[in-house]
């Protein structure tokens, strides 16, 4: 189930926003925050799918919180502002991936914004997963390269011979090249 952080200065405004989201067909677990500081603590404690900031807040306007949420989490971020200032606020935060919606809200615009926020979150999640995969691959390559250096220095092998040795050991022992590299490095330490 989706988790949504709803940040609003007043409890009755929070309740109205939650009712509006439910009337738009949103089925999610809602978490309230009544100030920017409280919202920042919630963002540290939990991962949210969506952060909805109803500006202004009691301790700040709210655009800084929206930018922080966009940078430090994978959540889609919606910032609600008065219609008169929505364009000016949007210029400040759109490069950070924050969607600005003018108040008063309408269902069609909210549906569109929710779909865009979900799409952005999905894309960010995919990019983060790809980034982790590539970081792991780089770490594995570095590990194997360090083992090759040990074989070159200690055993007088050439780089192609060290590479072939690690690959052959991996095949013969039915282990990965990283496991063989770790064994070589452990042996070198002793």
N, C-alpha and C. Protein backbone atom coordinates (compact mmCIF):
# COMPACT_ATOMS: atom_id res chain seq x y z
N UNK A 1 0.84 -1.18 0.00
CA UNK A 1 0.00 0.00 0.00
C UNK A 1 0.88 1.25 0.00
N UNK A 2 0.48 2.21 -0.79
CA UNK A 2 1.22 3.46 -0.88
C UNK A 2 1.22 4.20 0.46
N UNK A 3 2.32 4.91 0.70
CA UNK A 3 2.42 5.73 1.91
C UNK A 3 2.61 7.17 1.49
N UNK A 4 1.73 8.03 2.00
CA UNK A 4 1.75 9.44 1.62
C UNK A 4 1.95 10.30 2.85
N UNK A 5 2.93 11.19 2.78
CA UNK A 5 3.14 12.19 3.83
C UNK A 5 2.39 13.44 3.41
N UNK A 6 1.41 13.85 4.22
CA UNK A 6 0.63 15.04 3.94
C UNK A 6 1.05 16.11 4.94
N UNK A 7 1.65 17.19 4.42
CA UNK A 7 2.18 18.25 5.28
C UNK A 7 1.29 19.47 5.13
N UNK A 8 0.70 19.88 6.25
CA UNK A 8 -0.18 21.04 6.25
C UNK A 8 -0.09 21.71 7.61
N UNK A 9 -0.26 23.02 7.66
CA UNK A 9 -0.10 23.77 8.90
C UNK A 9 -1.22 23.48 9.90
N UNK A 10 -2.42 23.16 9.42
CA UNK A 10 -3.58 22.98 10.30
C UNK A 10 -4.17 21.58 10.17
N UNK A 11 -4.69 21.08 11.27
CA UNK A 11 -5.28 19.73 11.27
C UNK A 11 -6.51 19.66 10.38
N UNK A 12 -7.36 20.71 10.39
CA UNK A 12 -8.56 20.65 9.56
C UNK A 12 -8.21 20.68 8.07
N UNK A 13 -7.15 21.40 7.71
CA UNK A 13 -6.69 21.41 6.30
C UNK A 13 -6.14 20.04 5.92
N UNK A 14 -5.42 19.41 6.85
CA UNK A 14 -4.92 18.05 6.63
C UNK A 14 -6.11 17.12 6.35
N UNK A 15 -7.13 17.18 7.20
CA UNK A 15 -8.30 16.30 7.04
C UNK A 15 -8.99 16.55 5.70
N UNK A 16 -9.08 17.82 5.30
CA UNK A 16 -9.70 18.15 4.01
C UNK A 16 -8.88 17.57 2.85
N UNK A 17 -7.56 17.68 2.93
CA UNK A 17 -6.71 17.13 1.88
C UNK A 17 -6.84 15.61 1.79
N UNK A 18 -6.88 14.96 2.94
CA UNK A 18 -7.03 13.50 2.95
C UNK A 18 -8.36 13.11 2.33
N UNK A 19 -9.44 13.82 2.69
CA UNK A 19 -10.76 13.53 2.10
C UNK A 19 -10.73 13.74 0.59
N UNK A 20 -10.05 14.81 0.16
CA UNK A 20 -9.95 15.08 -1.27
C UNK A 20 -9.20 13.96 -1.99
N UNK A 21 -8.09 13.50 -1.41
CA UNK A 21 -7.33 12.41 -2.02
C UNK A 21 -8.17 11.14 -2.10
N UNK A 22 -8.89 10.84 -1.04
CA UNK A 22 -9.76 9.65 -1.04
C UNK A 22 -10.84 9.79 -2.09
N UNK A 23 -11.41 10.98 -2.23
CA UNK A 23 -12.45 11.19 -3.24
C UNK A 23 -11.89 11.08 -4.66
N UNK A 24 -10.57 11.26 -4.79
CA UNK A 24 -9.91 11.10 -6.10
C UNK A 24 -9.55 9.63 -6.37
N UNK A 25 -9.89 8.76 -5.44
CA UNK A 25 -9.63 7.33 -5.63
C UNK A 25 -8.29 6.87 -5.09
N UNK A 26 -7.60 7.70 -4.33
CA UNK A 26 -6.31 7.32 -3.77
C UNK A 26 -6.53 6.40 -2.57
N UNK A 27 -5.93 5.24 -2.63
CA UNK A 27 -5.99 4.29 -1.51
C UNK A 27 -4.58 4.16 -0.97
N UNK A 28 -4.34 4.83 0.14
CA UNK A 28 -2.98 4.87 0.68
C UNK A 28 -3.04 5.08 2.18
N UNK A 29 -1.93 4.81 2.81
CA UNK A 29 -1.78 5.09 4.22
C UNK A 29 -1.28 6.53 4.33
N UNK A 30 -2.03 7.37 5.03
CA UNK A 30 -1.70 8.79 5.13
C UNK A 30 -0.97 9.06 6.45
N UNK A 31 0.08 9.87 6.38
CA UNK A 31 0.84 10.27 7.56
C UNK A 31 0.81 11.79 7.64
N UNK A 32 0.39 12.35 8.78
CA UNK A 32 0.33 13.81 8.90
C UNK A 32 1.64 14.41 9.40
N UNK A 33 1.89 15.65 8.98
CA UNK A 33 2.96 16.47 9.55
C UNK A 33 2.43 17.90 9.50
N UNK A 34 2.62 18.63 10.60
CA UNK A 34 2.03 19.96 10.70
C UNK A 34 3.06 21.08 10.67
N UNK A 35 4.31 20.74 10.35
CA UNK A 35 5.36 21.75 10.18
C UNK A 35 6.45 21.17 9.29
N UNK A 36 7.31 22.04 8.81
CA UNK A 36 8.44 21.57 7.99
C UNK A 36 9.38 20.70 8.79
N UNK A 37 9.63 21.07 10.04
CA UNK A 37 10.55 20.30 10.88
C UNK A 37 9.99 18.90 11.15
N UNK A 38 8.70 18.82 11.44
CA UNK A 38 8.07 17.51 11.68
C UNK A 38 8.11 16.65 10.42
N UNK A 39 7.92 17.26 9.27
CA UNK A 39 7.97 16.52 8.00
C UNK A 39 9.37 16.01 7.73
N UNK A 40 10.38 16.82 8.02
CA UNK A 40 11.77 16.38 7.80
C UNK A 40 12.10 15.17 8.69
N UNK A 41 11.62 15.19 9.93
CA UNK A 41 11.84 14.03 10.82
C UNK A 41 11.15 12.79 10.25
N UNK A 42 9.95 12.96 9.75
CA UNK A 42 9.22 11.83 9.17
C UNK A 42 9.94 11.28 7.94
N UNK A 43 10.54 12.16 7.14
CA UNK A 43 11.28 11.72 5.95
C UNK A 43 12.52 10.93 6.32
N UNK A 44 13.11 11.21 7.48
CA UNK A 44 14.27 10.46 7.94
C UNK A 44 13.84 9.08 8.45
N UNK A 45 12.69 9.05 9.11
CA UNK A 45 12.22 7.81 9.75
C UNK A 45 11.59 6.80 8.79
N UNK A 46 11.07 7.26 7.66
CA UNK A 46 10.28 6.36 6.81
C UNK A 46 10.42 6.76 5.35
N UNK A 47 10.25 5.80 4.46
CA UNK A 47 10.22 6.07 3.02
C UNK A 47 8.77 6.26 2.59
N UNK A 48 8.53 7.32 1.86
CA UNK A 48 7.18 7.61 1.37
C UNK A 48 7.15 7.50 -0.14
N UNK A 49 5.97 7.17 -0.65
CA UNK A 49 5.77 7.12 -2.09
C UNK A 49 5.44 8.51 -2.64
N UNK A 50 4.79 9.31 -1.80
CA UNK A 50 4.38 10.65 -2.21
C UNK A 50 4.47 11.59 -1.02
N UNK A 51 4.94 12.80 -1.27
CA UNK A 51 4.94 13.86 -0.25
C UNK A 51 4.10 15.00 -0.81
N UNK A 52 3.06 15.37 -0.07
CA UNK A 52 2.16 16.43 -0.47
C UNK A 52 2.32 17.58 0.52
N UNK A 53 2.82 18.72 0.04
CA UNK A 53 3.08 19.87 0.91
C UNK A 53 2.07 20.97 0.57
N UNK A 54 1.28 21.35 1.58
CA UNK A 54 0.30 22.42 1.43
C UNK A 54 0.90 23.71 1.98
N UNK A 55 1.40 24.57 1.10
CA UNK A 55 2.06 25.81 1.53
C UNK A 55 1.03 26.90 1.78
N UNK A 56 1.29 27.80 2.70
CA UNK A 56 2.46 27.91 3.57
C UNK A 56 2.32 27.04 4.82
N UNK A 57 3.45 26.72 5.42
CA UNK A 57 3.48 25.95 6.66
C UNK A 57 3.66 26.90 7.83
N UNK A 58 3.59 26.34 9.04
CA UNK A 58 3.70 27.20 10.22
C UNK A 58 5.12 27.71 10.44
N UNK A 59 6.14 26.96 10.02
CA UNK A 59 7.52 27.36 10.30
C UNK A 59 8.33 27.73 9.05
N UNK A 60 7.75 27.58 7.89
CA UNK A 60 8.42 27.95 6.63
C UNK A 60 7.37 27.99 5.53
N UNK A 61 7.77 28.45 4.37
CA UNK A 61 6.80 28.50 3.27
C UNK A 61 6.45 27.09 2.79
N UNK A 62 7.48 26.26 2.58
CA UNK A 62 7.22 24.88 2.16
C UNK A 62 7.99 24.46 0.93
N UNK A 63 8.47 25.42 0.13
CA UNK A 63 9.19 25.03 -1.08
C UNK A 63 10.54 24.41 -0.73
N UNK A 64 11.17 24.86 0.38
CA UNK A 64 12.44 24.27 0.80
C UNK A 64 12.24 22.81 1.22
N UNK A 65 11.15 22.57 1.94
CA UNK A 65 10.82 21.20 2.34
C UNK A 65 10.58 20.32 1.12
N UNK A 66 9.86 20.83 0.14
CA UNK A 66 9.58 20.07 -1.08
C UNK A 66 10.88 19.73 -1.81
N UNK A 67 11.79 20.70 -1.88
CA UNK A 67 13.08 20.45 -2.52
C UNK A 67 13.88 19.40 -1.75
N UNK A 68 13.88 19.50 -0.43
CA UNK A 68 14.58 18.53 0.40
C UNK A 68 14.01 17.13 0.18
N UNK A 69 12.69 17.01 0.18
CA UNK A 69 12.04 15.72 -0.02
C UNK A 69 12.39 15.14 -1.39
N UNK A 70 12.45 16.00 -2.40
CA UNK A 70 12.77 15.54 -3.75
C UNK A 70 14.22 15.06 -3.84
N UNK A 71 15.13 15.72 -3.13
CA UNK A 71 16.55 15.36 -3.19
C UNK A 71 16.90 14.16 -2.34
N UNK A 72 16.27 14.02 -1.18
CA UNK A 72 16.68 13.00 -0.21
C UNK A 72 15.82 11.75 -0.22
N UNK A 73 14.83 11.68 -1.09
CA UNK A 73 13.99 10.49 -1.14
C UNK A 73 13.61 10.21 -2.59
N UNK A 74 12.99 9.09 -2.79
CA UNK A 74 12.50 8.74 -4.13
C UNK A 74 11.03 9.09 -4.30
N UNK A 75 10.46 9.75 -3.30
CA UNK A 75 9.04 10.08 -3.32
C UNK A 75 8.72 11.10 -4.41
N UNK A 76 7.53 10.97 -4.97
CA UNK A 76 7.01 12.03 -5.81
C UNK A 76 6.62 13.18 -4.89
N UNK A 77 6.86 14.41 -5.30
CA UNK A 77 6.60 15.56 -4.43
C UNK A 77 5.66 16.53 -5.12
N UNK A 78 4.54 16.81 -4.43
CA UNK A 78 3.57 17.78 -4.92
C UNK A 78 3.53 18.95 -3.94
N UNK A 79 3.60 20.17 -4.45
CA UNK A 79 3.56 21.38 -3.63
C UNK A 79 2.31 22.17 -4.02
N UNK A 80 1.43 22.39 -3.05
CA UNK A 80 0.20 23.14 -3.30
C UNK A 80 0.41 24.59 -2.87
N UNK A 81 0.15 25.54 -3.77
CA UNK A 81 0.29 26.96 -3.46
C UNK A 81 -0.90 27.73 -4.02
N UNK A 82 -1.04 28.97 -3.59
CA UNK A 82 -2.08 29.83 -4.14
C UNK A 82 -1.84 29.98 -5.64
N UNK A 83 -2.91 30.06 -6.38
CA UNK A 83 -2.83 30.15 -7.84
C UNK A 83 -2.02 31.36 -8.30
N UNK A 84 -2.10 32.47 -7.54
CA UNK A 84 -1.42 33.70 -7.95
C UNK A 84 0.11 33.55 -7.95
N UNK A 85 0.63 32.68 -7.09
CA UNK A 85 2.09 32.55 -7.00
C UNK A 85 2.61 31.21 -7.51
N UNK A 86 1.72 30.40 -8.04
CA UNK A 86 2.11 29.04 -8.46
C UNK A 86 3.21 29.06 -9.52
N UNK A 87 3.12 29.95 -10.49
CA UNK A 87 4.15 30.01 -11.54
C UNK A 87 5.51 30.42 -10.98
N UNK A 88 5.52 31.39 -10.09
CA UNK A 88 6.79 31.86 -9.50
C UNK A 88 7.42 30.76 -8.65
N UNK A 89 6.60 30.07 -7.88
CA UNK A 89 7.12 28.97 -7.04
C UNK A 89 7.60 27.83 -7.92
N UNK A 90 6.86 27.56 -8.97
CA UNK A 90 7.23 26.47 -9.88
C UNK A 90 8.61 26.72 -10.49
N UNK A 91 8.92 27.96 -10.83
CA UNK A 91 10.24 28.28 -11.39
C UNK A 91 11.36 27.94 -10.42
N UNK A 92 11.09 28.10 -9.13
CA UNK A 92 12.11 27.82 -8.11
C UNK A 92 12.34 26.32 -7.90
N UNK A 93 11.29 25.51 -8.04
CA UNK A 93 11.39 24.11 -7.62
C UNK A 93 11.29 23.09 -8.74
N UNK A 94 10.92 23.48 -9.93
CA UNK A 94 10.69 22.49 -10.99
C UNK A 94 11.97 21.75 -11.38
N UNK A 95 13.13 22.40 -11.30
CA UNK A 95 14.38 21.72 -11.62
C UNK A 95 14.72 20.62 -10.61
N UNK A 96 14.10 20.70 -9.43
CA UNK A 96 14.32 19.68 -8.40
C UNK A 96 13.34 18.52 -8.53
N UNK A 97 12.42 18.58 -9.48
CA UNK A 97 11.47 17.50 -9.67
C UNK A 97 10.22 17.64 -8.82
N UNK A 98 9.91 18.85 -8.39
CA UNK A 98 8.72 19.09 -7.58
C UNK A 98 7.60 19.57 -8.51
N UNK A 99 6.42 18.97 -8.36
CA UNK A 99 5.25 19.37 -9.13
C UNK A 99 4.48 20.40 -8.32
N UNK A 100 4.21 21.57 -8.89
CA UNK A 100 3.47 22.62 -8.20
C UNK A 100 2.04 22.63 -8.72
N UNK A 101 1.08 22.58 -7.79
CA UNK A 101 -0.33 22.62 -8.15
C UNK A 101 -0.96 23.86 -7.55
N UNK A 102 -1.74 24.61 -8.34
CA UNK A 102 -2.41 25.81 -7.81
C UNK A 102 -3.65 25.43 -7.00
N UNK A 103 -3.89 26.22 -5.94
CA UNK A 103 -5.11 26.05 -5.15
C UNK A 103 -6.11 27.09 -5.62
N UNK A 104 -7.38 26.78 -5.65
CA UNK A 104 -8.03 25.55 -5.22
C UNK A 104 -7.79 24.41 -6.21
N UNK A 105 -7.79 23.20 -5.66
CA UNK A 105 -7.51 22.01 -6.46
C UNK A 105 -8.75 21.55 -7.21
N UNK A 106 -8.50 20.87 -8.33
CA UNK A 106 -9.60 20.17 -8.99
C UNK A 106 -9.17 18.72 -9.23
N UNK A 107 -10.14 17.85 -9.35
CA UNK A 107 -9.86 16.41 -9.43
C UNK A 107 -9.01 16.03 -10.65
N UNK A 108 -9.32 16.62 -11.79
CA UNK A 108 -8.59 16.26 -13.01
C UNK A 108 -7.11 16.59 -12.88
N UNK A 109 -6.82 17.77 -12.37
CA UNK A 109 -5.42 18.18 -12.20
C UNK A 109 -4.72 17.30 -11.16
N UNK A 110 -5.43 16.96 -10.09
CA UNK A 110 -4.85 16.10 -9.05
C UNK A 110 -4.56 14.71 -9.61
N UNK A 111 -5.49 14.15 -10.38
CA UNK A 111 -5.25 12.84 -11.01
C UNK A 111 -4.01 12.88 -11.88
N UNK A 112 -3.91 13.92 -12.71
CA UNK A 112 -2.76 14.06 -13.61
C UNK A 112 -1.46 14.18 -12.81
N UNK A 113 -1.46 15.00 -11.77
CA UNK A 113 -0.26 15.20 -10.96
C UNK A 113 0.13 13.90 -10.25
N UNK A 114 -0.84 13.17 -9.73
CA UNK A 114 -0.54 11.90 -9.06
C UNK A 114 0.06 10.90 -10.03
N UNK A 115 -0.47 10.83 -11.24
CA UNK A 115 0.09 9.91 -12.25
C UNK A 115 1.52 10.31 -12.60
N UNK A 116 1.77 11.60 -12.75
CA UNK A 116 3.12 12.06 -13.09
C UNK A 116 4.09 11.80 -11.94
N UNK A 117 3.64 12.02 -10.72
CA UNK A 117 4.50 11.77 -9.55
C UNK A 117 4.83 10.28 -9.44
N UNK A 118 3.84 9.43 -9.69
CA UNK A 118 4.09 7.98 -9.64
C UNK A 118 5.05 7.56 -10.74
N UNK A 119 4.88 8.13 -11.92
CA UNK A 119 5.78 7.79 -13.03
C UNK A 119 7.21 8.23 -12.72
N UNK A 120 7.35 9.42 -12.15
CA UNK A 120 8.69 9.91 -11.78
C UNK A 120 9.31 9.01 -10.72
N UNK A 121 8.52 8.60 -9.73
CA UNK A 121 9.02 7.70 -8.68
C UNK A 121 9.46 6.37 -9.27
N UNK A 122 8.66 5.84 -10.16
CA UNK A 122 9.00 4.57 -10.80
C UNK A 122 10.31 4.68 -11.57
N UNK A 123 10.48 5.76 -12.28
CA UNK A 123 11.70 5.97 -13.05
C UNK A 123 12.91 6.10 -12.13
N UNK A 124 12.77 6.87 -11.05
CA UNK A 124 13.86 7.04 -10.10
C UNK A 124 14.23 5.71 -9.43
N UNK A 125 13.23 4.92 -9.10
CA UNK A 125 13.50 3.62 -8.49
C UNK A 125 14.28 2.73 -9.45
N UNK A 126 13.90 2.74 -10.71
CA UNK A 126 14.63 1.96 -11.71
C UNK A 126 16.06 2.44 -11.88
N UNK A 127 16.26 3.75 -11.89
CA UNK A 127 17.61 4.30 -12.02
C UNK A 127 18.46 3.97 -10.79
N UNK A 128 17.85 4.01 -9.61
CA UNK A 128 18.59 3.66 -8.40
C UNK A 128 19.01 2.19 -8.42
N UNK A 129 18.12 1.34 -8.87
CA UNK A 129 18.43 -0.09 -8.97
C UNK A 129 19.57 -0.33 -9.96
N UNK A 130 19.51 0.33 -11.09
CA UNK A 130 20.57 0.21 -12.10
C UNK A 130 21.90 0.74 -11.55
N UNK A 131 21.84 1.84 -10.81
CA UNK A 131 23.04 2.41 -10.21
C UNK A 131 23.67 1.42 -9.23
N UNK A 132 22.86 0.78 -8.40
CA UNK A 132 23.39 -0.21 -7.46
C UNK A 132 24.05 -1.38 -8.19
N UNK A 133 23.39 -1.83 -9.26
CA UNK A 133 23.93 -2.95 -10.04
C UNK A 133 25.28 -2.57 -10.64
N UNK A 134 25.38 -1.38 -11.18
CA UNK A 134 26.65 -0.94 -11.78
C UNK A 134 27.74 -0.73 -10.73
N UNK A 135 27.37 -0.21 -9.57
CA UNK A 135 28.35 -0.04 -8.49
C UNK A 135 28.90 -1.39 -8.05
N UNK A 136 28.03 -2.39 -7.97
CA UNK A 136 28.47 -3.75 -7.60
C UNK A 136 29.41 -4.30 -8.66
N UNK A 137 29.07 -4.07 -9.90
CA UNK A 137 29.91 -4.56 -10.99
C UNK A 137 31.30 -3.91 -10.96
N UNK A 138 31.34 -2.61 -10.70
CA UNK A 138 32.62 -1.90 -10.60
C UNK A 138 33.45 -2.46 -9.44
N UNK A 139 32.80 -2.69 -8.31
CA UNK A 139 33.51 -3.24 -7.14
C UNK A 139 34.07 -4.63 -7.46
N UNK A 140 33.30 -5.44 -8.18
CA UNK A 140 33.77 -6.78 -8.56
C UNK A 140 34.98 -6.70 -9.49
N UNK A 141 34.93 -5.79 -10.44
CA UNK A 141 36.05 -5.62 -11.38
C UNK A 141 37.30 -5.18 -10.63
N UNK A 142 37.14 -4.25 -9.69
CA UNK A 142 38.29 -3.79 -8.91
C UNK A 142 38.89 -4.92 -8.08
N UNK A 143 38.04 -5.76 -7.51
CA UNK A 143 38.50 -6.89 -6.71
C UNK A 143 39.33 -7.86 -7.56
N UNK A 144 38.81 -8.19 -8.72
CA UNK A 144 39.51 -9.11 -9.62
C UNK A 144 40.82 -8.47 -10.10
N UNK A 145 40.80 -7.19 -10.38
CA UNK A 145 42.03 -6.50 -10.81
C UNK A 145 43.09 -6.50 -9.71
N UNK A 146 42.67 -6.33 -8.46
CA UNK A 146 43.64 -6.37 -7.36
C UNK A 146 44.25 -7.77 -7.25
N UNK A 147 43.43 -8.80 -7.44
CA UNK A 147 43.94 -10.18 -7.39
C UNK A 147 44.92 -10.41 -8.55
N UNK A 148 44.61 -9.85 -9.71
CA UNK A 148 45.53 -9.98 -10.85
C UNK A 148 46.87 -9.33 -10.53
N UNK A 149 46.82 -8.17 -9.91
CA UNK A 149 48.07 -7.47 -9.53
C UNK A 149 48.90 -8.32 -8.57
N UNK A 150 48.25 -8.99 -7.65
CA UNK A 150 48.96 -9.86 -6.71
C UNK A 150 49.63 -11.00 -7.47
N UNK A 151 48.89 -11.61 -8.42
CA UNK A 151 49.47 -12.70 -9.20
C UNK A 151 50.64 -12.21 -10.06
N UNK A 152 50.53 -11.01 -10.59
CA UNK A 152 51.61 -10.44 -11.41
C UNK A 152 52.84 -10.20 -10.55
N UNK A 153 52.65 -9.60 -9.37
CA UNK A 153 53.78 -9.26 -8.50
C UNK A 153 54.40 -10.48 -7.83
N UNK A 154 53.55 -11.35 -7.29
CA UNK A 154 54.07 -12.49 -6.50
C UNK A 154 54.46 -13.70 -7.34
N UNK A 155 53.75 -13.92 -8.41
CA UNK A 155 53.98 -15.14 -9.18
C UNK A 155 54.64 -14.87 -10.53
N UNK A 156 54.88 -13.62 -10.85
CA UNK A 156 55.55 -13.27 -12.09
C UNK A 156 54.72 -13.53 -13.33
N UNK A 157 53.40 -13.58 -13.19
CA UNK A 157 52.53 -13.81 -14.35
C UNK A 157 52.37 -12.52 -15.13
N UNK A 158 52.03 -12.68 -16.40
CA UNK A 158 51.64 -11.52 -17.20
C UNK A 158 50.16 -11.24 -16.90
N UNK A 159 49.66 -10.09 -17.33
CA UNK A 159 48.25 -9.76 -17.07
C UNK A 159 47.31 -10.76 -17.74
N UNK A 160 47.53 -11.14 -19.01
CA UNK A 160 46.65 -12.14 -19.63
C UNK A 160 46.72 -13.49 -18.91
N UNK A 161 47.94 -13.87 -18.43
CA UNK A 161 48.06 -15.15 -17.71
C UNK A 161 47.30 -15.09 -16.39
N UNK A 162 47.40 -13.97 -15.68
CA UNK A 162 46.69 -13.81 -14.40
C UNK A 162 45.18 -13.86 -14.63
N UNK A 163 44.75 -13.21 -15.70
CA UNK A 163 43.32 -13.21 -16.03
C UNK A 163 42.85 -14.64 -16.34
N UNK A 164 43.61 -15.33 -17.16
CA UNK A 164 43.26 -16.71 -17.53
C UNK A 164 43.27 -17.61 -16.30
N UNK A 165 44.22 -17.41 -15.41
CA UNK A 165 44.32 -18.22 -14.20
C UNK A 165 43.06 -18.05 -13.33
N UNK A 166 42.65 -16.81 -13.14
CA UNK A 166 41.45 -16.57 -12.32
C UNK A 166 40.22 -17.18 -12.98
N UNK A 167 40.09 -17.02 -14.29
CA UNK A 167 38.93 -17.60 -14.98
C UNK A 167 38.93 -19.12 -14.90
N UNK A 168 40.10 -19.73 -15.09
CA UNK A 168 40.19 -21.21 -15.03
C UNK A 168 39.87 -21.71 -13.64
N UNK A 169 40.40 -21.04 -12.61
CA UNK A 169 40.10 -21.45 -11.23
C UNK A 169 38.60 -21.33 -10.94
N UNK A 170 37.99 -20.28 -11.44
CA UNK A 170 36.55 -20.08 -11.23
C UNK A 170 35.75 -21.21 -11.88
N UNK A 171 36.15 -21.61 -13.10
CA UNK A 171 35.45 -22.70 -13.77
C UNK A 171 35.71 -24.04 -13.07
N UNK A 172 36.97 -24.31 -12.75
CA UNK A 172 37.33 -25.59 -12.14
C UNK A 172 36.68 -25.77 -10.77
N UNK A 173 36.61 -24.70 -10.00
CA UNK A 173 36.09 -24.79 -8.63
C UNK A 173 34.61 -24.43 -8.54
N UNK A 174 34.02 -24.10 -9.68
CA UNK A 174 32.61 -23.70 -9.74
C UNK A 174 32.31 -22.55 -8.76
N UNK A 175 33.14 -21.54 -8.85
CA UNK A 175 32.99 -20.34 -8.05
C UNK A 175 33.03 -19.13 -8.97
N UNK A 176 32.66 -18.01 -8.43
CA UNK A 176 32.74 -16.78 -9.23
C UNK A 176 34.18 -16.27 -9.25
N UNK A 177 34.46 -15.41 -10.22
CA UNK A 177 35.80 -14.81 -10.27
C UNK A 177 36.06 -13.99 -9.01
N UNK A 178 35.03 -13.39 -8.45
CA UNK A 178 35.20 -12.60 -7.22
C UNK A 178 35.60 -13.50 -6.05
N UNK A 179 35.00 -14.67 -5.95
CA UNK A 179 35.36 -15.59 -4.87
C UNK A 179 36.82 -16.04 -5.02
N UNK A 180 37.23 -16.32 -6.24
CA UNK A 180 38.63 -16.70 -6.48
C UNK A 180 39.55 -15.54 -6.14
N UNK A 181 39.16 -14.32 -6.54
CA UNK A 181 39.97 -13.13 -6.25
C UNK A 181 40.10 -12.94 -4.74
N UNK A 182 39.01 -13.13 -4.01
CA UNK A 182 39.07 -13.01 -2.55
C UNK A 182 40.02 -14.04 -1.95
N UNK A 183 39.98 -15.28 -2.47
CA UNK A 183 40.90 -16.33 -1.99
C UNK A 183 42.35 -15.93 -2.24
N UNK A 184 42.62 -15.38 -3.42
CA UNK A 184 43.99 -14.96 -3.77
C UNK A 184 44.45 -13.85 -2.84
N UNK A 185 43.58 -12.88 -2.59
CA UNK A 185 43.95 -11.76 -1.72
C UNK A 185 44.12 -12.22 -0.27
N UNK A 186 43.31 -13.16 0.18
CA UNK A 186 43.48 -13.70 1.54
C UNK A 186 44.81 -14.45 1.65
N UNK A 187 45.14 -15.21 0.61
CA UNK A 187 46.40 -15.94 0.59
C UNK A 187 47.59 -15.01 0.57
N UNK A 188 47.45 -13.89 -0.09
CA UNK A 188 48.53 -12.92 -0.16
C UNK A 188 48.76 -12.25 1.19
N UNK A 189 47.68 -12.07 1.97
CA UNK A 189 47.79 -11.45 3.29
C UNK A 189 48.58 -12.34 4.25
N UNK A 190 48.46 -13.66 4.06
CA UNK A 190 49.13 -14.61 4.98
C UNK A 190 50.53 -14.75 4.63
